[in-house]
């Protein structure tokens, strides 16, 4: 094999991309749920979105922040979780807080 026929992935300093990723979106979603569950006292409800980004993954997790009676008045929140390609936590933040059933209203109080 000739030296100039090296595969692109062998180049030193080459940045990884989502195509190089070995973890599936499902595995990344599970890791994001686990990280959020360890960091906050509220209950993660589920993953809303998983998106590959330049440096890893961006995952949105919905969280039950306050359980109320009736449940239609529960208070939920949306957390944005940044993970590296291996599922390691880079950052997280709450981006929205809203009553159940009103996620898209844009009037949440962070």
PDB file of N, CA and C in Angstrom:
ATOM      1  N   UNK A   1       0.838  -1.189   0.000  1.00  0.00           N
ATOM      2  CA  UNK A   1       0.000   0.000   0.000  1.00  0.00           C
ATOM      3  C   UNK A   1       0.876   1.243   0.000  1.00  0.00           C
ATOM      4  N   UNK A   2       0.621   2.151  -0.893  1.00  0.00           N
ATOM      5  CA  UNK A   2       1.419   3.365  -1.030  1.00  0.00           C
ATOM      6  C   UNK A   2       1.128   4.328   0.104  1.00  0.00           C
ATOM      7  N   UNK A   3       2.138   5.123   0.483  1.00  0.00           N
ATOM      8  CA  UNK A   3       2.003   6.045   1.615  1.00  0.00           C
ATOM      9  C   UNK A   3       0.920   7.083   1.378  1.00  0.00           C
ATOM     10  N   UNK A   4       0.731   7.518   0.135  1.00  0.00           N
ATOM     11  CA  UNK A   4      -0.264   8.552  -0.118  1.00  0.00           C
ATOM     12  C   UNK A   4      -1.659   7.986  -0.340  1.00  0.00           C
ATOM     13  N   UNK A   5      -1.850   6.678  -0.107  1.00  0.00           N
ATOM     14  CA  UNK A   5      -3.194   6.106  -0.217  1.00  0.00           C
ATOM     15  C   UNK A   5      -3.792   5.824   1.159  1.00  0.00           C
ATOM     16  N   UNK A   6      -3.238   6.484   2.184  1.00  0.00           N
ATOM     17  CA  UNK A   6      -3.748   6.302   3.556  1.00  0.00           C
ATOM     18  C   UNK A   6      -5.202   6.723   3.651  1.00  0.00           C
ATOM     19  N   UNK A   7      -5.914   6.037   4.494  1.00  0.00           N
ATOM     20  CA  UNK A   7      -7.312   6.368   4.766  1.00  0.00           C
ATOM     21  C   UNK A   7      -7.380   7.706   5.497  1.00  0.00           C
ATOM     22  N   UNK A   8      -8.405   8.500   5.253  1.00  0.00           N
ATOM     23  CA  UNK A   8      -8.616   9.795   5.896  1.00  0.00           C
ATOM     24  C   UNK A   8      -8.594   9.723   7.414  1.00  0.00           C
ATOM     25  N   UNK A   9      -9.082   8.628   7.999  1.00  0.00           N
ATOM     26  CA  UNK A   9      -9.185   8.524   9.452  1.00  0.00           C
ATOM     27  C   UNK A   9      -7.832   8.353  10.112  1.00  0.00           C
ATOM     28  N   UNK A  10      -6.750   8.070   9.331  1.00  0.00           N
ATOM     29  CA  UNK A  10      -5.417   7.886   9.894  1.00  0.00           C
ATOM     30  C   UNK A  10      -4.642   9.179  10.030  1.00  0.00           C
ATOM     31  N   UNK A  11      -5.160  10.277   9.515  1.00  0.00           N
ATOM     32  CA  UNK A  11      -4.434  11.539   9.553  1.00  0.00           C
ATOM     33  C   UNK A  11      -4.356  12.074  10.976  1.00  0.00           C
ATOM     34  N   UNK A  12      -3.153  12.451  11.419  1.00  0.00           N
ATOM     35  CA  UNK A  12      -3.024  13.062  12.743  1.00  0.00           C
ATOM     36  C   UNK A  12      -3.764  14.395  12.790  1.00  0.00           C
ATOM     37  N   UNK A  13      -4.397  14.679  13.885  1.00  0.00           N
ATOM     38  CA  UNK A  13      -5.083  15.946  14.065  1.00  0.00           C
ATOM     39  C   UNK A  13      -6.425  16.049  13.370  1.00  0.00           C
ATOM     40  N   UNK A  14      -6.855  14.994  12.701  1.00  0.00           N
ATOM     41  CA  UNK A  14      -8.155  15.030  12.019  1.00  0.00           C
ATOM     42  C   UNK A  14      -9.263  15.028  13.062  1.00  0.00           C
ATOM     43  N   UNK A  15     -10.224  15.918  12.903  1.00  0.00           N
ATOM     44  CA  UNK A  15     -11.360  15.980  13.834  1.00  0.00           C
ATOM     45  C   UNK A  15     -12.353  14.894  13.501  1.00  0.00           C
ATOM     46  N   UNK A  16     -12.909  14.292  14.533  1.00  0.00           N
ATOM     47  CA  UNK A  16     -13.928  13.271  14.326  1.00  0.00           C
ATOM     48  C   UNK A  16     -15.210  13.934  13.864  1.00  0.00           C
ATOM     49  N   UNK A  17     -16.006  13.188  13.150  1.00  0.00           N
ATOM     50  CA  UNK A  17     -17.305  13.680  12.705  1.00  0.00           C
ATOM     51  C   UNK A  17     -18.360  12.674  13.114  1.00  0.00           C
ATOM     52  N   UNK A  18     -19.628  13.050  12.941  1.00  0.00           N
ATOM     53  CA  UNK A  18     -20.732  12.155  13.312  1.00  0.00           C
ATOM     54  C   UNK A  18     -20.648  10.844  12.539  1.00  0.00           C
ATOM     55  N   UNK A  19     -20.075  10.869  11.324  1.00  0.00           N
ATOM     56  CA  UNK A  19     -19.954   9.645  10.536  1.00  0.00           C
ATOM     57  C   UNK A  19     -18.991   8.654  11.183  1.00  0.00           C
ATOM     58  N   UNK A  20     -18.018   9.146  11.973  1.00  0.00           N
ATOM     59  CA  UNK A  20     -17.046   8.287  12.641  1.00  0.00           C
ATOM     60  C   UNK A  20     -17.632   7.670  13.911  1.00  0.00           C
ATOM     61  N   UNK A  21     -18.751   8.182  14.356  1.00  0.00           N
ATOM     62  CA  UNK A  21     -19.328   7.803  15.637  1.00  0.00           C
ATOM     63  C   UNK A  21     -19.682   6.319  15.694  1.00  0.00           C
ATOM     64  N   UNK A  22     -19.335   5.701  16.796  1.00  0.00           N
ATOM     65  CA  UNK A  22     -19.662   4.297  16.978  1.00  0.00           C
ATOM     66  C   UNK A  22     -20.912   4.109  17.829  1.00  0.00           C
ATOM     67  N   UNK A  23     -21.264   5.092  18.664  1.00  0.00           N
ATOM     68  CA  UNK A  23     -22.478   4.975  19.470  1.00  0.00           C
ATOM     69  C   UNK A  23     -23.686   5.396  18.641  1.00  0.00           C
ATOM     70  N   UNK A  24     -24.783   4.671  18.800  1.00  0.00           N
ATOM     71  CA  UNK A  24     -26.005   5.005  18.072  1.00  0.00           C
ATOM     72  C   UNK A  24     -26.731   6.153  18.759  1.00  0.00           C
ATOM     73  N   UNK A  25     -27.677   6.751  18.066  1.00  0.00           N
ATOM     74  CA  UNK A  25     -28.489   7.819  18.657  1.00  0.00           C
ATOM     75  C   UNK A  25     -29.229   7.298  19.886  1.00  0.00           C
ATOM     76  N   UNK A  26     -29.679   6.060  19.844  1.00  0.00           N
ATOM     77  CA  UNK A  26     -30.371   5.461  21.000  1.00  0.00           C
ATOM     78  C   UNK A  26     -29.438   5.378  22.213  1.00  0.00           C
ATOM     79  N   UNK A  27     -28.195   4.978  21.991  1.00  0.00           N
ATOM     80  CA  UNK A  27     -27.226   4.887  23.089  1.00  0.00           C
ATOM     81  C   UNK A  27     -26.887   6.265  23.643  1.00  0.00           C
ATOM     82  N   UNK A  28     -26.752   7.242  22.763  1.00  0.00           N
ATOM     83  CA  UNK A  28     -26.476   8.614  23.195  1.00  0.00           C
ATOM     84  C   UNK A  28     -27.647   9.151  24.011  1.00  0.00           C
ATOM     85  N   UNK A  29     -28.879   8.877  23.569  1.00  0.00           N
ATOM     86  CA  UNK A  29     -30.062   9.322  24.307  1.00  0.00           C
ATOM     87  C   UNK A  29     -30.067   8.729  25.708  1.00  0.00           C
ATOM     88  N   UNK A  30     -29.743   7.454  25.837  1.00  0.00           N
ATOM     89  CA  UNK A  30     -29.704   6.798  27.149  1.00  0.00           C
ATOM     90  C   UNK A  30     -28.632   7.425  28.039  1.00  0.00           C
ATOM     91  N   UNK A  31     -27.484   7.738  27.460  1.00  0.00           N
ATOM     92  CA  UNK A  31     -26.419   8.378  28.240  1.00  0.00           C
ATOM     93  C   UNK A  31     -26.851   9.764  28.716  1.00  0.00           C
ATOM     94  N   UNK A  32     -27.527  10.525  27.848  1.00  0.00           N
ATOM     95  CA  UNK A  32     -28.005  11.857  28.228  1.00  0.00           C
ATOM     96  C   UNK A  32     -29.001  11.762  29.379  1.00  0.00           C
ATOM     97  N   UNK A  33     -29.933  10.804  29.305  1.00  0.00           N
ATOM     98  CA  UNK A  33     -30.890  10.608  30.403  1.00  0.00           C
ATOM     99  C   UNK A  33     -30.159  10.288  31.709  1.00  0.00           C
ATOM    100  N   UNK A  34     -29.157   9.441  31.615  1.00  0.00           N
ATOM    101  CA  UNK A  34     -28.384   9.083  32.805  1.00  0.00           C
ATOM    102  C   UNK A  34     -27.666  10.273  33.411  1.00  0.00           C
ATOM    103  N   UNK A  35     -27.043  11.098  32.568  1.00  0.00           N
ATOM    104  CA  UNK A  35     -26.328  12.279  33.068  1.00  0.00           C
ATOM    105  C   UNK A  35     -27.290  13.244  33.753  1.00  0.00           C
ATOM    106  N   UNK A  36     -28.427  13.519  33.113  1.00  0.00           N
ATOM    107  CA  UNK A  36     -29.398  14.455  33.702  1.00  0.00           C
ATOM    108  C   UNK A  36     -29.914  13.890  35.023  1.00  0.00           C
ATOM    109  N   UNK A  37     -30.205  12.596  35.049  1.00  0.00           N
ATOM    110  CA  UNK A  37     -30.691  11.963  36.275  1.00  0.00           C
ATOM    111  C   UNK A  37     -29.709  12.065  37.430  1.00  0.00           C
ATOM    112  N   UNK A  38     -28.414  12.072  37.131  1.00  0.00           N
ATOM    113  CA  UNK A  38     -27.384  12.191  38.168  1.00  0.00           C
ATOM    114  C   UNK A  38     -27.184  13.628  38.636  1.00  0.00           C
ATOM    115  N   UNK A  39     -27.491  14.594  37.780  1.00  0.00           N
ATOM    116  CA  UNK A  39     -27.170  15.989  38.078  1.00  0.00           C
ATOM    117  C   UNK A  39     -28.297  16.781  38.733  1.00  0.00           C
ATOM    118  N   UNK A  40     -29.528  16.415  38.484  1.00  0.00           N
ATOM    119  CA  UNK A  40     -30.643  17.181  39.039  1.00  0.00           C
ATOM    120  C   UNK A  40     -31.507  16.274  39.910  1.00  0.00           C
ATOM    121  N   UNK A  41     -32.302  16.873  40.770  1.00  0.00           N
ATOM    122  CA  UNK A  41     -33.144  16.088  41.671  1.00  0.00           C
ATOM    123  C   UNK A  41     -34.500  15.749  41.064  1.00  0.00           C
ATOM    124  N   UNK A  42     -34.836  16.367  39.949  1.00  0.00           N
ATOM    125  CA  UNK A  42     -36.111  16.109  39.279  1.00  0.00           C
ATOM    126  C   UNK A  42     -36.027  14.846  38.431  1.00  0.00           C
ATOM    127  N   UNK A  43     -37.183  14.372  37.972  1.00  0.00           N
ATOM    128  CA  UNK A  43     -37.275  13.118  37.227  1.00  0.00           C
ATOM    129  C   UNK A  43     -37.234  13.333  35.718  1.00  0.00           C
ATOM    130  N   UNK A  44     -36.197  12.798  35.020  1.00  0.00           N
ATOM    131  CA  UNK A  44     -36.210  12.865  33.556  1.00  0.00           C
ATOM    132  C   UNK A  44     -37.376  12.040  33.016  1.00  0.00           C
ATOM    133  N   UNK A  45     -38.139  12.620  32.090  1.00  0.00           N
ATOM    134  CA  UNK A  45     -39.298  11.949  31.513  1.00  0.00           C
ATOM    135  C   UNK A  45     -38.908  11.217  30.239  1.00  0.00           C
ATOM    136  N   UNK A  46     -38.120  11.863  29.394  1.00  0.00           N
ATOM    137  CA  UNK A  46     -37.709  11.235  28.144  1.00  0.00           C
ATOM    138  C   UNK A  46     -36.911  12.176  27.280  1.00  0.00           C
ATOM    139  N   UNK A  47     -36.405  11.628  26.193  1.00  0.00           N
ATOM    140  CA  UNK A  47     -35.619  12.394  25.240  1.00  0.00           C
ATOM    141  C   UNK A  47     -36.546  12.954  24.172  1.00  0.00           C
ATOM    142  N   UNK A  48     -36.407  14.234  23.902  1.00  0.00           N
ATOM    143  CA  UNK A  48     -37.228  14.915  22.913  1.00  0.00           C
ATOM    144  C   UNK A  48     -36.527  14.941  21.556  1.00  0.00           C
ATOM    145  N   UNK A  49     -35.187  15.120  21.560  1.00  0.00           N
ATOM    146  CA  UNK A  49     -34.448  15.139  20.297  1.00  0.00           C
ATOM    147  C   UNK A  49     -32.997  14.725  20.520  1.00  0.00           C
ATOM    148  N   UNK A  50     -32.404  14.162  19.468  1.00  0.00           N
ATOM    149  CA  UNK A  50     -30.990  13.794  19.441  1.00  0.00           C
ATOM    150  C   UNK A  50     -30.452  14.282  18.108  1.00  0.00           C
ATOM    151  N   UNK A  51     -29.373  15.070  18.152  1.00  0.00           N
ATOM    152  CA  UNK A  51     -28.834  15.659  16.931  1.00  0.00           C
ATOM    153  C   UNK A  51     -27.310  15.618  16.948  1.00  0.00           C
ATOM    154  N   UNK A  52     -26.693  15.062  15.897  1.00  0.00           N
ATOM    155  CA  UNK A  52     -25.230  15.128  15.831  1.00  0.00           C
ATOM    156  C   UNK A  52     -24.800  16.562  15.538  1.00  0.00           C
ATOM    157  N   UNK A  53     -23.760  17.009  16.229  1.00  0.00           N
ATOM    158  CA  UNK A  53     -23.190  18.339  15.998  1.00  0.00           C
ATOM    159  C   UNK A  53     -21.688  18.170  15.778  1.00  0.00           C
ATOM    160  N   UNK A  54     -21.006  19.247  15.477  1.00  0.00           N
ATOM    161  CA  UNK A  54     -19.594  19.188  15.114  1.00  0.00           C
ATOM    162  C   UNK A  54     -18.724  18.453  16.136  1.00  0.00           C
ATOM    163  N   UNK A  55     -18.933  18.714  17.420  1.00  0.00           N
ATOM    164  CA  UNK A  55     -18.073  18.143  18.450  1.00  0.00           C
ATOM    165  C   UNK A  55     -18.706  16.987  19.214  1.00  0.00           C
ATOM    166  N   UNK A  56     -19.836  16.461  18.751  1.00  0.00           N
ATOM    167  CA  UNK A  56     -20.485  15.363  19.451  1.00  0.00           C
ATOM    168  C   UNK A  56     -21.970  15.307  19.175  1.00  0.00           C
ATOM    169  N   UNK A  57     -22.748  15.403  20.255  1.00  0.00           N
ATOM    170  CA  UNK A  57     -24.205  15.275  20.158  1.00  0.00           C
ATOM    171  C   UNK A  57     -24.890  16.345  20.986  1.00  0.00           C
ATOM    172  N   UNK A  58     -26.052  16.780  20.524  1.00  0.00           N
ATOM    173  CA  UNK A  58     -26.916  17.695  21.264  1.00  0.00           C
ATOM    174  C   UNK A  58     -28.224  16.954  21.511  1.00  0.00           C
ATOM    175  N   UNK A  59     -28.584  16.806  22.781  1.00  0.00           N
ATOM    176  CA  UNK A  59     -29.768  16.032  23.164  1.00  0.00           C
ATOM    177  C   UNK A  59     -30.663  16.924  24.019  1.00  0.00           C
ATOM    178  N   UNK A  60     -31.978  16.899  23.747  1.00  0.00           N
ATOM    179  CA  UNK A  60     -32.936  17.613  24.579  1.00  0.00           C
ATOM    180  C   UNK A  60     -33.696  16.590  25.411  1.00  0.00           C
ATOM    181  N   UNK A  61     -33.727  16.832  26.729  1.00  0.00           N
ATOM    182  CA  UNK A  61     -34.373  15.921  27.664  1.00  0.00           C
ATOM    183  C   UNK A  61     -35.499  16.670  28.379  1.00  0.00           C
ATOM    184  N   UNK A  62     -36.682  16.068  28.395  1.00  0.00           N
ATOM    185  CA  UNK A  62     -37.813  16.641  29.125  1.00  0.00           C
ATOM    186  C   UNK A  62     -37.794  16.085  30.540  1.00  0.00           C
ATOM    187  N   UNK A  63     -38.038  16.974  31.514  1.00  0.00           N
ATOM    188  CA  UNK A  63     -37.932  16.627  32.930  1.00  0.00           C
ATOM    189  C   UNK A  63     -39.206  17.054  33.652  1.00  0.00           C
ATOM    190  N   UNK A  64     -39.696  16.198  34.542  1.00  0.00           N
ATOM    191  CA  UNK A  64     -40.824  16.541  35.407  1.00  0.00           C
ATOM    192  C   UNK A  64     -40.260  17.258  36.625  1.00  0.00           C
ATOM    193  N   UNK A  65     -40.439  18.577  36.684  1.00  0.00           N
ATOM    194  CA  UNK A  65     -39.859  19.356  37.774  1.00  0.00           C
ATOM    195  C   UNK A  65     -40.770  19.455  38.993  1.00  0.00           C
ATOM    196  N   UNK A  66     -42.086  19.545  38.770  1.00  0.00           N
ATOM    197  CA  UNK A  66     -43.035  19.603  39.890  1.00  0.00           C
ATOM    198  C   UNK A  66     -44.253  18.773  39.549  1.00  0.00           C
ATOM    199  N   UNK A  67     -44.508  17.772  40.357  1.00  0.00           N
ATOM    200  CA  UNK A  67     -45.705  16.951  40.187  1.00  0.00           C
ATOM    201  C   UNK A  67     -46.851  17.650  40.923  1.00  0.00           C
ATOM    202  N   UNK A  68     -47.966  17.830  40.230  1.00  0.00           N
ATOM    203  CA  UNK A  68     -49.120  18.510  40.825  1.00  0.00           C
ATOM    204  C   UNK A  68     -50.372  17.678  40.614  1.00  0.00           C
ATOM    205  N   UNK A  69     -51.414  18.029  41.353  1.00  0.00           N
ATOM    206  CA  UNK A  69     -52.715  17.383  41.198  1.00  0.00           C
ATOM    207  C   UNK A  69     -53.673  18.466  40.726  1.00  0.00           C
ATOM    208  N   UNK A  70     -54.321  18.281  39.590  1.00  0.00           N
ATOM    209  CA  UNK A  70     -54.237  17.141  38.682  1.00  0.00           C
ATOM    210  C   UNK A  70     -52.925  17.170  37.891  1.00  0.00           C
ATOM    211  N   UNK A  71     -52.575  16.036  37.295  1.00  0.00           N
ATOM    212  CA  UNK A  71     -51.304  15.934  36.574  1.00  0.00           C
ATOM    213  C   UNK A  71     -51.236  16.873  35.372  1.00  0.00           C
ATOM    214  N   UNK A  72     -52.383  17.323  34.891  1.00  0.00           N
ATOM    215  CA  UNK A  72     -52.382  18.263  33.765  1.00  0.00           C
ATOM    216  C   UNK A  72     -51.759  19.605  34.153  1.00  0.00           C
ATOM    217  N   UNK A  73     -51.552  19.848  35.441  1.00  0.00           N
ATOM    218  CA  UNK A  73     -50.906  21.083  35.870  1.00  0.00           C
ATOM    219  C   UNK A  73     -49.460  20.856  36.329  1.00  0.00           C
ATOM    220  N   UNK A  74     -48.899  19.665  36.040  1.00  0.00           N
ATOM    221  CA  UNK A  74     -47.479  19.401  36.325  1.00  0.00           C
ATOM    222  C   UNK A  74     -46.617  20.467  35.669  1.00  0.00           C
ATOM    223  N   UNK A  75     -45.455  20.727  36.263  1.00  0.00           N
ATOM    224  CA  UNK A  75     -44.500  21.663  35.697  1.00  0.00           C
ATOM    225  C   UNK A  75     -43.339  20.865  35.107  1.00  0.00           C
ATOM    226  N   UNK A  76     -43.103  21.046  33.800  1.00  0.00           N
ATOM    227  CA  UNK A  76     -42.048  20.333  33.080  1.00  0.00           C
ATOM    228  C   UNK A  76     -40.950  21.315  32.687  1.00  0.00           C
ATOM    229  N   UNK A  77     -39.797  20.776  32.337  1.00  0.00           N
ATOM    230  CA  UNK A  77     -38.691  21.599  31.858  1.00  0.00           C
ATOM    231  C   UNK A  77     -37.988  20.869  30.721  1.00  0.00           C
ATOM    232  N   UNK A  78     -37.313  21.638  29.895  1.00  0.00           N
ATOM    233  CA  UNK A  78     -36.536  21.092  28.800  1.00  0.00           C
ATOM    234  C   UNK A  78     -35.068  21.410  29.064  1.00  0.00           C
ATOM    235  N   UNK A  79     -34.245  20.379  29.081  1.00  0.00           N
ATOM    236  CA  UNK A  79     -32.811  20.533  29.285  1.00  0.00           C
ATOM    237  C   UNK A  79     -32.076  20.198  27.994  1.00  0.00           C
ATOM    238  N   UNK A  80     -31.093  21.014  27.657  1.00  0.00           N
ATOM    239  CA  UNK A  80     -30.233  20.775  26.513  1.00  0.00           C
ATOM    240  C   UNK A  80     -28.942  20.163  27.055  1.00  0.00           C
ATOM    241  N   UNK A  81     -28.563  19.007  26.529  1.00  0.00           N
ATOM    242  CA  UNK A  81     -27.398  18.278  27.017  1.00  0.00           C
ATOM    243  C   UNK A  81     -26.412  18.121  25.860  1.00  0.00           C
ATOM    244  N   UNK A  82     -25.177  18.554  26.072  1.00  0.00           N
ATOM    245  CA  UNK A  82     -24.129  18.392  25.067  1.00  0.00           C
ATOM    246  C   UNK A  82     -23.233  17.234  25.482  1.00  0.00           C
ATOM    247  N   UNK A  83     -23.055  16.259  24.579  1.00  0.00           N
ATOM    248  CA  UNK A  83     -22.214  15.099  24.843  1.00  0.00           C
ATOM    249  C   UNK A  83     -21.119  15.024  23.792  1.00  0.00           C
ATOM    250  N   UNK A  84     -19.960  14.461  24.176  1.00  0.00           N
ATOM    251  CA  UNK A  84     -18.927  14.210  23.177  1.00  0.00           C
ATOM    252  C   UNK A  84     -19.285  12.945  22.409  1.00  0.00           C
ATOM    253  N   UNK A  85     -18.455  12.540  21.464  1.00  0.00           N
ATOM    254  CA  UNK A  85     -18.764  11.385  20.627  1.00  0.00           C
ATOM    255  C   UNK A  85     -18.841  10.077  21.411  1.00  0.00           C
ATOM    256  N   UNK A  86     -18.201  10.038  22.584  1.00  0.00           N
ATOM    257  CA  UNK A  86     -18.218   8.828  23.402  1.00  0.00           C
ATOM    258  C   UNK A  86     -19.336   8.843  24.448  1.00  0.00           C
ATOM    259  N   UNK A  87     -20.149   9.905  24.462  1.00  0.00           N
ATOM    260  CA  UNK A  87     -21.248  10.003  25.412  1.00  0.00           C
ATOM    261  C   UNK A  87     -20.885  10.711  26.702  1.00  0.00           C
ATOM    262  N   UNK A  88     -19.680  11.278  26.768  1.00  0.00           N
ATOM    263  CA  UNK A  88     -19.270  12.028  27.954  1.00  0.00           C
ATOM    264  C   UNK A  88     -19.941  13.388  27.997  1.00  0.00           C
ATOM    265  N   UNK A  89     -20.324  13.808  29.182  1.00  0.00           N
ATOM    266  CA  UNK A  89     -21.020  15.084  29.357  1.00  0.00           C
ATOM    267  C   UNK A  89     -20.069  16.254  29.155  1.00  0.00           C
ATOM    268  N   UNK A  90     -20.443  17.183  28.296  1.00  0.00           N
ATOM    269  CA  UNK A  90     -19.687  18.415  28.084  1.00  0.00           C
ATOM    270  C   UNK A  90     -20.375  19.593  28.763  1.00  0.00           C
ATOM    271  N   UNK A  91     -21.711  19.649  28.660  1.00  0.00           N
ATOM    272  CA  UNK A  91     -22.472  20.758  29.245  1.00  0.00           C
ATOM    273  C   UNK A  91     -23.940  20.392  29.294  1.00  0.00           C
ATOM    274  N   UNK A  92     -24.664  21.064  30.181  1.00  0.00           N
ATOM    275  CA  UNK A  92     -26.117  20.947  30.185  1.00  0.00           C
ATOM    276  C   UNK A  92     -26.702  22.246  30.712  1.00  0.00           C
ATOM    277  N   UNK A  93     -27.928  22.526  30.300  1.00  0.00           N
ATOM    278  CA  UNK A  93     -28.606  23.744  30.758  1.00  0.00           C
ATOM    279  C   UNK A  93     -30.113  23.576  30.595  1.00  0.00           C
ATOM    280  N   UNK A  94     -30.863  24.207  31.480  1.00  0.00           N
ATOM    281  CA  UNK A  94     -32.321  24.229  31.313  1.00  0.00           C
ATOM    282  C   UNK A  94     -32.647  25.349  30.348  1.00  0.00           C
ATOM    283  N   UNK A  95     -33.396  25.021  29.311  1.00  0.00           N
ATOM    284  CA  UNK A  95     -33.712  26.016  28.285  1.00  0.00           C
ATOM    285  C   UNK A  95     -35.156  26.498  28.341  1.00  0.00           C
ATOM    286  N   UNK A  96     -36.025  25.750  29.015  1.00  0.00           N
ATOM    287  CA  UNK A  96     -37.430  26.145  29.078  1.00  0.00           C
ATOM    288  C   UNK A  96     -38.087  25.463  30.270  1.00  0.00           C
ATOM    289  N   UNK A  97     -39.092  26.110  30.809  1.00  0.00           N
ATOM    290  CA  UNK A  97     -39.910  25.554  31.895  1.00  0.00           C
ATOM    291  C   UNK A  97     -41.355  25.902  31.576  1.00  0.00           C
ATOM    292  N   UNK A  98     -42.265  24.906  31.683  1.00  0.00           N
ATOM    293  CA  UNK A  98     -43.619  25.133  31.187  1.00  0.00           C
ATOM    294  C   UNK A  98     -44.603  24.160  31.846  1.00  0.00           C
ATOM    295  N   UNK A  99     -45.892  24.551  31.872  1.00  0.00           N
ATOM    296  CA  UNK A  99     -46.932  23.629  32.343  1.00  0.00           C
ATOM    297  C   UNK A  99     -47.123  22.506  31.321  1.00  0.00           C
ATOM    298  N   UNK A 100     -47.477  21.326  31.773  1.00  0.00           N
ATOM    299  CA  UNK A 100     -47.711  20.180  30.881  1.00  0.00           C
ATOM    300  C   UNK A 100     -48.678  20.587  29.768  1.00  0.00           C
ATOM    301  N   UNK A 101     -48.354  20.227  28.537  1.00  0.00           N
ATOM    302  CA  UNK A 101     -49.218  20.534  27.397  1.00  0.00           C
ATOM    303  C   UNK A 101     -48.950  21.871  26.746  1.00  0.00           C
ATOM    304  N   UNK A 102     -47.989  22.645  27.256  1.00  0.00           N
ATOM    305  CA  UNK A 102     -47.725  23.971  26.689  1.00  0.00           C
ATOM    306  C   UNK A 102     -46.258  24.168  26.331  1.00  0.00           C
ATOM    307  N   UNK A 103     -45.591  23.138  25.882  1.00  0.00           N
ATOM    308  CA  UNK A 103     -44.161  23.206  25.592  1.00  0.00           C
ATOM    309  C   UNK A 103     -43.836  24.229  24.509  1.00  0.00           C
ATOM    310  N   UNK A 104     -44.673  24.383  23.520  1.00  0.00           N
ATOM    311  CA  UNK A 104     -44.370  25.251  22.386  1.00  0.00           C
ATOM    312  C   UNK A 104     -44.784  26.697  22.540  1.00  0.00           C
ATOM    313  N   UNK A 105     -45.264  27.113  23.718  1.00  0.00           N
ATOM    314  CA  UNK A 105     -45.770  28.464  23.852  1.00  0.00           C
ATOM    315  C   UNK A 105     -44.685  29.518  23.953  1.00  0.00           C
ATOM    316  N   UNK A 106     -43.461  29.109  24.354  1.00  0.00           N
ATOM    317  CA  UNK A 106     -42.352  30.067  24.427  1.00  0.00           C
ATOM    318  C   UNK A 106     -42.434  31.034  25.580  1.00  0.00           C
ATOM    319  N   UNK A 107     -43.348  30.803  26.529  1.00  0.00           N
ATOM    320  CA  UNK A 107     -43.450  31.712  27.652  1.00  0.00           C
ATOM    321  C   UNK A 107     -42.966  31.075  28.945  1.00  0.00           C
ATOM    322  N   UNK A 108     -42.079  30.109  28.836  1.00  0.00           N
ATOM    323  CA  UNK A 108     -41.539  29.433  30.014  1.00  0.00           C
ATOM    324  C   UNK A 108     -40.634  30.345  30.810  1.00  0.00           C
ATOM    325  N   UNK A 109     -40.563  30.091  32.077  1.00  0.00           N
ATOM    326  CA  UNK A 109     -39.680  30.876  32.966  1.00  0.00           C
ATOM    327  C   UNK A 109     -38.515  30.007  33.377  1.00  0.00           C
ATOM    328  N   UNK A 110     -37.317  30.379  32.981  1.00  0.00           N
ATOM    329  CA  UNK A 110     -36.124  29.633  33.382  1.00  0.00           C
ATOM    330  C   UNK A 110     -35.723  30.118  34.693  1.00  0.00           C
TER     331      UNK A 110
END
